[in-house]
Amino acid sequence: MAFAGLAAAFVLLLPASAQDLNGTEGFQHFYNLEFDEAIQAFAREIAQSPDAPSGYNHLAAAVIFRAMLQGGMLESELVSSSNLFLSRPKLPMPAEDQKKFNDAIQKSIELSQARLNRNPRDTQALYTAGVACALRANYHFIVRKAWRDTLHDANTVHWYHSKATDIDPSFTDARVTQGAHDFILGSLPWTWRLIGVLVGFHGNKEAGIRTLQLVAEKGNLARLDAKVFLAIVYRRENKPRLAIPLLEELIGHFPRNYLLYFELAQMSSDAGDKTRALAALQKLRLLKESGAPGYTRVAAGKIYYSEGNIQFWYDELDAALENMKKATARAQDLDPDTRVLAWERLGQIYDLKGQRALALEAYRRAIEAAPASEAARESQRYLASPYRK
């Protein structure tokens, strides 16, 4: 989603992985998707406090989230569907960035462990060690596709943060990873859940939601992260009306995060409010056209796709067709996921309008755009049998 990711889909594909210092320069850049600037700010933070584990976690989070944004992975269509995320190919990440990420995680764990050696009940050290392992679990999951390493680190995160809250029950922030893990593991296919049980972690979707709601209400450093994750949870659980006020609040906090407008549009559409959905996209277009800070980065084709997709579901096929044609005309500017989805949707619209030859060409373009994607596999089926809504 807006951050996406809040959370990679197994541990935390959200900035929650770096939960503190939400109000600093670095995290203002981070939450507004300005990851180059965030990396620079966190490097300065490390230089000022080289013995603090948290700075290294912040740097690692910015590095991996930059790769996720570039790879089109900060969209809740991905993170709200376990099967989509599980089947996704490895995230490309330059070797230099992988080294920067791994070095930062290793340093954070070393510093946290040194503090724990001096005081095993140091809740802040337990917290930072858990955050480092959560970030590393995301790396294992989306970059390496190393399932067992992912589950092992997820279990370690749960241990660190559960111990922190056992020592200090008022340490609400440490519960955000517990809630996220409970929800995610409780939502995975049964084979994955079985693997989780084998490494000692039992998911519980309902308990996870309650924990995230607690952190969103009473947390301090992780309060906004919990709200980001809850917005994803409510989308997955088909409760868009609960997600909308969270997204509107987050837009107020992070006005340069353009993904939040896309998400607000989708949630409004899912809630049955087409007017509100299209208004969110119109606001996004106006921000882009006016050159508002952060919005020159938005691909025009992405806005056309989002509008067309909403119109498609409301059976406004002529309007949807015009927008999808504009989106695919700018396909080279779209992220990989939007590109393949736009071509597939264009084919579906042509099928519904009885223009089979044009539909076939669009499906072929979808397959060429991302052959290993779920949308490409669906398009392959539509080559044999026309799409029907």
Protein backbone atom coordinates (compact mmCIF):
# COMPACT_ATOMS: atom_id res chain seq x y z
CA MET A 1 0.00 0.00 0.00
CA ALA A 2 0.90 3.47 0.60
CA PHE A 3 4.10 2.43 2.20
CA ALA A 4 3.76 -1.30 1.70
CA GLY A 5 3.99 -1.97 2.42
CA LEU A 6 3.75 -1.60 4.95
CA ALA A 7 4.72 -4.34 5.45
CA ALA A 8 6.43 -7.07 2.88
CA ALA A 9 3.70 -9.55 3.08
CA PHE A 10 5.20 -11.84 5.55
CA VAL A 11 6.74 -9.89 8.34
CA LEU A 12 6.24 -6.18 7.91
CA LEU A 13 6.22 -4.52 4.59
CA LEU A 14 5.74 -1.21 6.15
CA PRO A 15 7.85 1.44 7.63
CA ALA A 16 6.84 -0.09 10.90
CA SER A 17 10.03 -2.01 10.53
CA ALA A 18 11.75 1.17 11.59
CA GLN A 19 9.15 2.36 13.98
CA ASP A 20 10.69 5.23 15.90
CA LEU A 21 11.59 8.84 15.14
CA ASN A 22 8.47 9.36 13.06
CA GLY A 23 8.78 13.13 13.35
CA THR A 24 12.43 13.54 12.38
CA GLU A 25 13.73 14.75 9.03
CA GLY A 26 14.68 11.21 8.03
CA PHE A 27 11.28 9.76 8.69
CA GLN A 28 9.43 12.66 7.13
CA HIS A 29 11.33 11.78 3.95
CA PHE A 30 10.78 8.07 4.55
CA TYR A 31 7.00 8.24 4.90
CA ASN A 32 6.76 10.62 1.96
CA LEU A 33 8.54 8.04 -0.25
CA GLU A 34 11.68 10.19 -0.59
CA PHE A 35 14.05 7.36 0.11
CA ASP A 36 17.23 8.88 -1.31
CA GLU A 37 16.84 11.82 1.06
CA ALA A 38 15.89 9.48 3.91
CA ILE A 39 19.05 7.43 3.40
CA GLN A 40 21.18 10.56 3.57
CA ALA A 41 19.41 11.74 6.73
CA PHE A 42 19.82 8.37 8.44
CA ALA A 43 23.50 8.29 7.51
CA ARG A 44 23.86 11.60 9.34
CA GLU A 45 21.96 10.14 12.30
CA ILE A 46 24.44 7.26 12.47
CA ALA A 47 27.39 9.66 12.28
CA GLN A 48 25.99 11.62 15.23
CA SER A 49 25.16 8.51 17.33
CA PRO A 50 27.28 5.61 16.04
CA ASP A 51 26.55 3.44 19.09
CA ALA A 52 22.75 3.66 18.79
CA PRO A 53 21.23 0.55 17.10
CA SER A 54 18.14 2.43 15.92
CA GLY A 55 19.99 4.52 13.33
CA TYR A 56 21.20 1.41 11.53
CA ASN A 57 17.65 0.03 11.48
CA HIS A 58 16.41 3.28 9.95
CA LEU A 59 19.08 3.17 7.25
CA ALA A 60 18.33 -0.48 6.42
CA ALA A 61 14.60 0.25 6.21
CA ALA A 62 15.13 3.12 3.78
CA VAL A 63 17.40 1.00 1.56
CA ILE A 64 14.98 -1.90 1.23
CA PHE A 65 11.90 0.30 0.86
CA ARG A 66 13.58 2.23 -1.93
CA ALA A 67 14.04 -1.05 -3.77
CA MET A 68 10.43 -1.98 -3.10
CA LEU A 69 9.13 1.33 -4.44
CA GLN A 70 11.25 0.98 -7.58
CA GLY A 71 9.96 -2.56 -8.02
CA GLY A 72 6.31 -1.55 -7.68
CA MET A 73 5.88 -3.47 -4.43
CA LEU A 74 4.46 -0.74 -2.21
CA GLU A 75 0.92 -1.39 -3.31
CA SER A 76 -1.65 -2.97 -1.05
CA GLU A 77 -3.05 -4.98 -3.95
CA LEU A 78 0.09 -7.02 -3.42
CA VAL A 79 0.45 -6.99 0.32
CA SER A 80 -3.23 -7.53 0.95
CA SER A 81 -3.15 -10.81 -0.95
CA SER A 82 -0.88 -13.50 0.43
CA ASN A 83 -1.07 -15.58 -2.72
CA LEU A 84 -0.03 -12.68 -4.96
CA PHE A 85 2.92 -11.88 -2.77
CA LEU A 86 3.97 -15.48 -2.33
CA SER A 87 4.03 -16.05 -6.08
CA ARG A 88 5.90 -12.85 -6.89
CA PRO A 89 9.45 -13.17 -8.30
CA LYS A 90 12.47 -12.03 -6.31
CA LEU A 91 12.86 -8.30 -5.90
CA PRO A 92 15.86 -7.03 -7.87
CA MET A 93 18.23 -5.20 -5.54
CA PRO A 94 21.71 -3.98 -6.53
CA ALA A 95 24.60 -5.78 -4.82
CA GLU A 96 25.78 -2.49 -3.35
CA ASP A 97 22.39 -1.91 -1.71
CA GLN A 98 22.26 -5.48 -0.43
CA LYS A 99 25.63 -4.97 1.24
CA LYS A 100 24.56 -1.63 2.73
CA PHE A 101 21.39 -3.25 4.06
CA ASN A 102 23.09 -6.32 5.53
CA ASP A 103 25.93 -4.31 7.09
CA ALA A 104 23.42 -2.01 8.80
CA ILE A 105 21.35 -4.93 10.13
CA GLN A 106 24.43 -6.72 11.43
CA LYS A 107 25.62 -3.58 13.21
CA SER A 108 22.22 -3.01 14.80
CA ILE A 109 22.08 -6.58 16.10
CA GLU A 110 25.65 -6.38 17.45
CA LEU A 111 24.97 -3.12 19.29
CA SER A 112 21.64 -4.37 20.63
CA GLN A 113 23.21 -7.61 21.84
CA ALA A 114 26.04 -5.73 23.55
CA ARG A 115 23.44 -3.81 25.53
CA LEU A 116 21.58 -7.02 26.34
CA ASN A 117 24.80 -8.62 27.56
CA ARG A 118 25.07 -5.80 30.07
CA ASN A 119 21.38 -5.86 30.96
CA PRO A 120 19.14 -8.69 29.68
CA ARG A 121 16.07 -6.67 30.68
CA ASP A 122 16.91 -3.69 28.49
CA THR A 123 13.59 -3.31 26.68
CA GLN A 124 14.92 -0.79 24.15
CA ALA A 125 17.68 -3.21 23.14
CA LEU A 126 15.12 -6.02 22.83
CA TYR A 127 13.05 -3.72 20.68
CA THR A 128 15.85 -2.66 18.31
CA ALA A 129 17.08 -6.25 17.98
CA GLY A 130 13.55 -7.31 17.04
CA VAL A 131 13.20 -4.51 14.49
CA ALA A 132 16.51 -5.54 12.88
CA CYS A 133 15.32 -9.14 12.59
CA ALA A 134 11.96 -7.99 11.16
CA LEU A 135 13.76 -6.04 8.45
CA ARG A 136 16.03 -9.00 7.72
CA ALA A 137 13.00 -11.29 7.48
CA ASN A 138 11.56 -8.96 4.84
CA TYR A 139 14.86 -9.13 2.98
CA HIS A 140 14.87 -12.95 3.11
CA PHE A 141 11.29 -13.01 1.87
CA ILE A 142 11.27 -10.52 -0.98
CA VAL A 143 14.90 -10.43 -2.16
CA ARG A 144 16.16 -13.97 -1.46
CA LYS A 145 12.86 -15.90 -1.39
CA ALA A 146 14.38 -17.90 1.46
CA TRP A 147 11.27 -19.17 3.21
CA ARG A 148 12.80 -20.88 6.21
CA ASP A 149 15.13 -17.99 6.96
CA THR A 150 12.10 -15.69 6.80
CA LEU A 151 10.16 -17.80 9.28
CA HIS A 152 13.17 -18.17 11.57
CA ASP A 153 13.64 -14.40 11.77
CA ALA A 154 9.90 -13.85 12.20
CA ASN A 155 9.97 -16.19 15.17
CA THR A 156 12.99 -14.34 16.59
CA VAL A 157 11.20 -11.00 16.25
CA HIS A 158 8.24 -12.39 18.15
CA TRP A 159 10.55 -13.63 20.92
CA TYR A 160 12.38 -10.30 21.32
CA HIS A 161 9.27 -8.15 21.35
CA SER A 162 7.23 -10.53 23.49
CA LYS A 163 10.02 -10.47 26.06
CA ALA A 164 10.07 -6.67 25.95
CA THR A 165 6.35 -6.47 26.65
CA ASP A 166 6.60 -9.15 29.34
CA ILE A 167 9.15 -6.98 31.14
CA ASP A 168 7.21 -3.77 30.52
CA PRO A 169 3.52 -4.36 29.66
CA SER A 170 3.13 -0.63 28.94
CA PHE A 171 5.64 -0.88 26.06
CA THR A 172 2.79 -0.86 23.54
CA ASP A 173 4.97 -0.05 20.53
CA ALA A 174 6.66 -3.45 20.70
CA ARG A 175 3.30 -5.09 20.14
CA VAL A 176 2.96 -3.90 16.54
CA THR A 177 5.15 -6.70 15.20
CA GLN A 178 3.27 -9.24 17.32
CA GLY A 179 -0.02 -8.06 15.87
CA ALA A 180 1.30 -7.99 12.31
CA HIS A 181 2.80 -11.46 12.61
CA ASP A 182 -0.34 -12.89 14.15
CA PHE A 183 -2.48 -11.47 11.37
CA ILE A 184 -0.19 -12.39 8.50
CA LEU A 185 0.53 -15.95 9.56
CA GLY A 186 -3.12 -16.43 10.34
CA SER A 187 -3.95 -15.34 6.79
CA LEU A 188 -1.43 -17.46 4.90
CA PRO A 189 -2.26 -20.67 3.01
CA TRP A 190 -2.31 -23.70 5.30
CA THR A 191 1.02 -25.05 4.01
CA TRP A 192 2.80 -21.89 5.08
CA ARG A 193 0.99 -21.86 8.39
CA LEU A 194 2.17 -25.41 8.99
CA ILE A 195 5.78 -24.37 8.40
CA GLY A 196 5.25 -21.52 10.86
CA VAL A 197 3.99 -23.94 13.49
CA LEU A 198 7.06 -26.12 12.98
CA VAL A 199 9.34 -23.21 13.88
CA GLY A 200 7.21 -22.35 16.88
CA PHE A 201 4.98 -19.53 15.66
CA HIS A 202 1.18 -19.77 15.72
CA GLY A 203 -0.79 -17.11 13.88
CA ASN A 204 -4.19 -15.77 14.91
CA LYS A 205 -5.78 -13.28 12.53
CA GLU A 206 -8.40 -11.92 14.92
CA ALA A 207 -5.90 -11.51 17.75
CA GLY A 208 -3.54 -9.73 15.36
CA ILE A 209 -6.20 -7.20 14.41
CA ARG A 210 -7.01 -6.49 18.05
CA THR A 211 -3.32 -5.94 18.83
CA LEU A 212 -2.86 -3.56 15.90
CA GLN A 213 -5.94 -1.61 16.96
CA LEU A 214 -4.46 -1.32 20.46
CA VAL A 215 -1.17 0.07 19.14
CA ALA A 216 -2.99 2.44 16.77
CA GLU A 217 -4.95 3.81 19.72
CA LYS A 218 -2.39 3.79 22.53
CA GLY A 219 1.02 3.43 20.91
CA ASN A 220 3.63 6.13 20.80
CA LEU A 221 6.46 5.59 18.33
CA ALA A 222 4.66 2.86 16.35
CA ARG A 223 1.15 4.35 16.36
CA LEU A 224 1.25 5.52 12.75
CA ASP A 225 2.80 2.25 11.61
CA ALA A 226 -0.07 0.35 13.19
CA LYS A 227 -2.53 2.56 11.32
CA VAL A 228 -0.77 1.90 8.04
CA PHE A 229 -0.93 -1.82 8.61
CA LEU A 230 -4.56 -1.64 9.74
CA ALA A 231 -5.47 0.08 6.47
CA ILE A 232 -4.02 -2.93 4.64
CA VAL A 233 -5.79 -5.32 7.00
CA TYR A 234 -9.13 -3.63 6.44
CA ARG A 235 -8.66 -3.86 2.69
CA ARG A 236 -7.87 -7.54 2.88
CA GLU A 237 -10.80 -8.15 5.20
CA ASN A 238 -13.16 -6.24 2.86
CA LYS A 239 -13.78 -3.41 5.33
CA PRO A 240 -12.93 -0.36 3.22
CA ARG A 241 -15.05 2.02 5.32
CA LEU A 242 -12.70 1.39 8.24
CA ALA A 243 -9.65 2.06 6.05
CA ILE A 244 -10.84 5.41 4.65
CA PRO A 245 -10.48 7.56 7.83
CA LEU A 246 -7.05 6.04 8.48
CA LEU A 247 -5.91 6.96 4.98
CA GLU A 248 -7.26 10.49 5.28
CA GLU A 249 -5.37 10.93 8.55
CA LEU A 250 -2.16 9.58 7.01
CA ILE A 251 -2.47 11.97 4.06
CA GLY A 252 -2.56 14.79 6.59
CA HIS A 253 0.65 13.56 8.20
CA PHE A 254 2.49 12.74 4.95
CA PRO A 255 1.16 15.05 2.22
CA ARG A 256 3.81 14.10 -0.35
CA ASN A 257 3.01 10.38 -0.27
CA TYR A 258 1.13 10.03 -3.53
CA LEU A 259 0.40 6.34 -3.02
CA LEU A 260 -2.03 7.27 -0.25
CA TYR A 261 -4.30 8.97 -2.80
CA PHE A 262 -4.34 5.88 -4.98
CA GLU A 263 -5.24 3.81 -1.95
CA LEU A 264 -7.96 6.23 -0.84
CA ALA A 265 -9.47 6.07 -4.31
CA GLN A 266 -9.51 2.28 -4.28
CA MET A 267 -10.97 2.03 -0.80
CA SER A 268 -13.68 4.58 -1.64
CA SER A 269 -14.52 2.60 -4.77
CA ASP A 270 -14.70 -0.64 -2.79
CA ALA A 271 -17.01 1.10 -0.32
CA GLY A 272 -19.40 1.92 -3.17
CA ASP A 273 -18.54 5.62 -3.38
CA LYS A 274 -17.45 6.12 -6.97
CA THR A 275 -17.68 9.92 -6.73
CA ARG A 276 -15.32 10.06 -3.77
CA ALA A 277 -12.95 7.60 -5.44
CA LEU A 278 -12.64 9.62 -8.64
CA ALA A 279 -12.35 12.85 -6.62
CA ALA A 280 -9.25 11.46 -4.87
CA LEU A 281 -7.67 10.75 -8.26
CA GLN A 282 -8.67 14.19 -9.55
CA LYS A 283 -6.93 15.76 -6.54
CA LEU A 284 -3.88 13.66 -7.32
CA ARG A 285 -3.92 14.81 -10.95
CA LEU A 286 -4.18 18.46 -9.90
CA LEU A 287 -1.24 18.06 -7.51
CA LYS A 288 0.82 16.56 -10.32
CA GLU A 289 -0.15 19.21 -12.87
CA SER A 290 0.63 22.01 -10.42
CA GLY A 291 4.10 20.60 -9.74
CA ALA A 292 3.37 20.11 -6.03
CA PRO A 293 6.36 18.70 -4.10
CA GLY A 294 6.54 14.92 -4.50
CA TYR A 295 3.91 14.68 -7.22
CA THR A 296 6.05 15.19 -10.29
CA ARG A 297 7.16 11.60 -9.64
CA VAL A 298 3.67 10.24 -10.33
CA ALA A 299 3.32 8.61 -13.74
CA ALA A 300 0.34 10.07 -15.60
CA GLY A 301 -0.41 6.59 -16.91
CA LYS A 302 -0.86 5.34 -13.36
CA ILE A 303 -3.65 7.86 -12.79
CA TYR A 304 -5.33 6.91 -16.06
CA TYR A 305 -5.12 3.25 -15.11
CA SER A 306 -6.63 3.84 -11.67
CA GLU A 307 -9.50 5.89 -13.06
CA GLY A 308 -10.17 3.35 -15.78
CA ASN A 309 -10.05 0.49 -13.33
CA ILE A 310 -12.69 2.11 -11.09
CA GLN A 311 -14.89 2.87 -14.12
CA PHE A 312 -14.49 -0.73 -15.28
CA TRP A 313 -15.95 -2.08 -12.03
CA TYR A 314 -18.82 0.41 -12.24
CA ASP A 315 -19.61 -0.81 -15.79
CA GLU A 316 -18.68 2.50 -17.43
CA LEU A 317 -16.91 0.71 -20.23
CA ASP A 318 -16.57 3.59 -22.70
CA ALA A 319 -14.89 5.84 -20.12
CA ALA A 320 -12.80 2.93 -18.83
CA LEU A 321 -11.65 2.14 -22.35
CA GLU A 322 -10.45 5.70 -23.00
CA ASN A 323 -8.49 5.80 -19.76
CA MET A 324 -6.97 2.36 -20.25
CA LYS A 325 -5.90 3.28 -23.79
CA LYS A 326 -4.17 6.35 -22.38
CA ALA A 327 -2.52 4.25 -19.68
CA THR A 328 -1.15 1.65 -22.10
CA ALA A 329 0.02 4.40 -24.48
CA ARG A 330 2.37 5.36 -21.62
CA ALA A 331 3.15 1.78 -20.61
CA GLN A 332 6.91 2.36 -20.62
CA ASP A 333 6.49 4.88 -17.77
CA LEU A 334 4.48 2.51 -15.54
CA ASP A 335 5.82 0.26 -12.82
CA PRO A 336 5.92 -3.42 -13.89
CA ASP A 337 2.75 -4.43 -12.01
CA THR A 338 0.61 -1.57 -13.29
CA ARG A 339 1.89 -2.13 -16.84
CA VAL A 340 0.77 -5.74 -17.04
CA LEU A 341 -2.53 -5.03 -15.25
CA ALA A 342 -3.33 -2.17 -17.63
CA TRP A 343 -2.85 -4.35 -20.70
CA GLU A 344 -4.90 -7.16 -19.17
CA ARG A 345 -7.72 -4.78 -18.21
CA LEU A 346 -7.71 -3.27 -21.69
CA GLY A 347 -8.16 -6.76 -23.12
CA GLN A 348 -11.03 -7.46 -20.76
CA ILE A 349 -12.79 -4.25 -21.76
CA TYR A 350 -12.45 -5.10 -25.44
CA ASP A 351 -13.86 -8.57 -24.75
CA LEU A 352 -16.86 -7.11 -22.95
CA LYS A 353 -17.44 -4.78 -25.91
CA GLY A 354 -17.22 -7.68 -28.37
CA GLN A 355 -13.97 -6.52 -29.99
CA ARG A 356 -12.16 -9.83 -29.81
CA ALA A 357 -9.25 -9.09 -32.14
CA LEU A 358 -8.26 -6.03 -30.11
CA ALA A 359 -8.70 -8.00 -26.89
CA LEU A 360 -6.31 -10.71 -28.11
CA GLU A 361 -3.66 -8.14 -28.96
CA ALA A 362 -3.96 -6.54 -25.51
CA TYR A 363 -3.63 -9.93 -23.77
CA ARG A 364 -0.50 -10.67 -25.80
CA ARG A 365 0.98 -7.36 -24.71
CA ALA A 366 0.18 -8.22 -21.08
CA ILE A 367 1.99 -11.53 -21.41
CA GLU A 368 5.00 -9.81 -22.99
CA ALA A 369 5.07 -7.18 -20.22
CA ALA A 370 5.54 -9.65 -17.35
CA PRO A 371 5.42 -13.31 -18.42
CA ALA A 372 5.73 -14.72 -14.89
CA SER A 373 2.99 -12.56 -13.35
CA GLU A 374 -0.47 -13.69 -12.30
CA ALA A 375 -2.00 -11.17 -14.72
CA ALA A 376 -0.01 -12.72 -17.57
CA ARG A 377 -1.21 -16.20 -16.62
CA GLU A 378 -4.79 -14.96 -16.58
CA SER A 379 -4.26 -13.27 -19.95
CA GLN A 380 -3.00 -16.55 -21.34
CA ARG A 381 -6.32 -18.14 -20.41
CA TYR A 382 -8.24 -15.30 -22.04
CA LEU A 383 -6.46 -16.00 -25.33
CA ALA A 384 -8.43 -19.26 -25.41
CA SER A 385 -11.67 -18.02 -23.87
CA PRO A 386 -13.01 -14.44 -23.82
CA TYR A 387 -13.26 -12.65 -20.49
CA ARG A 388 -16.69 -12.48 -18.90
CA LYS A 389 -17.33 -10.34 -15.84
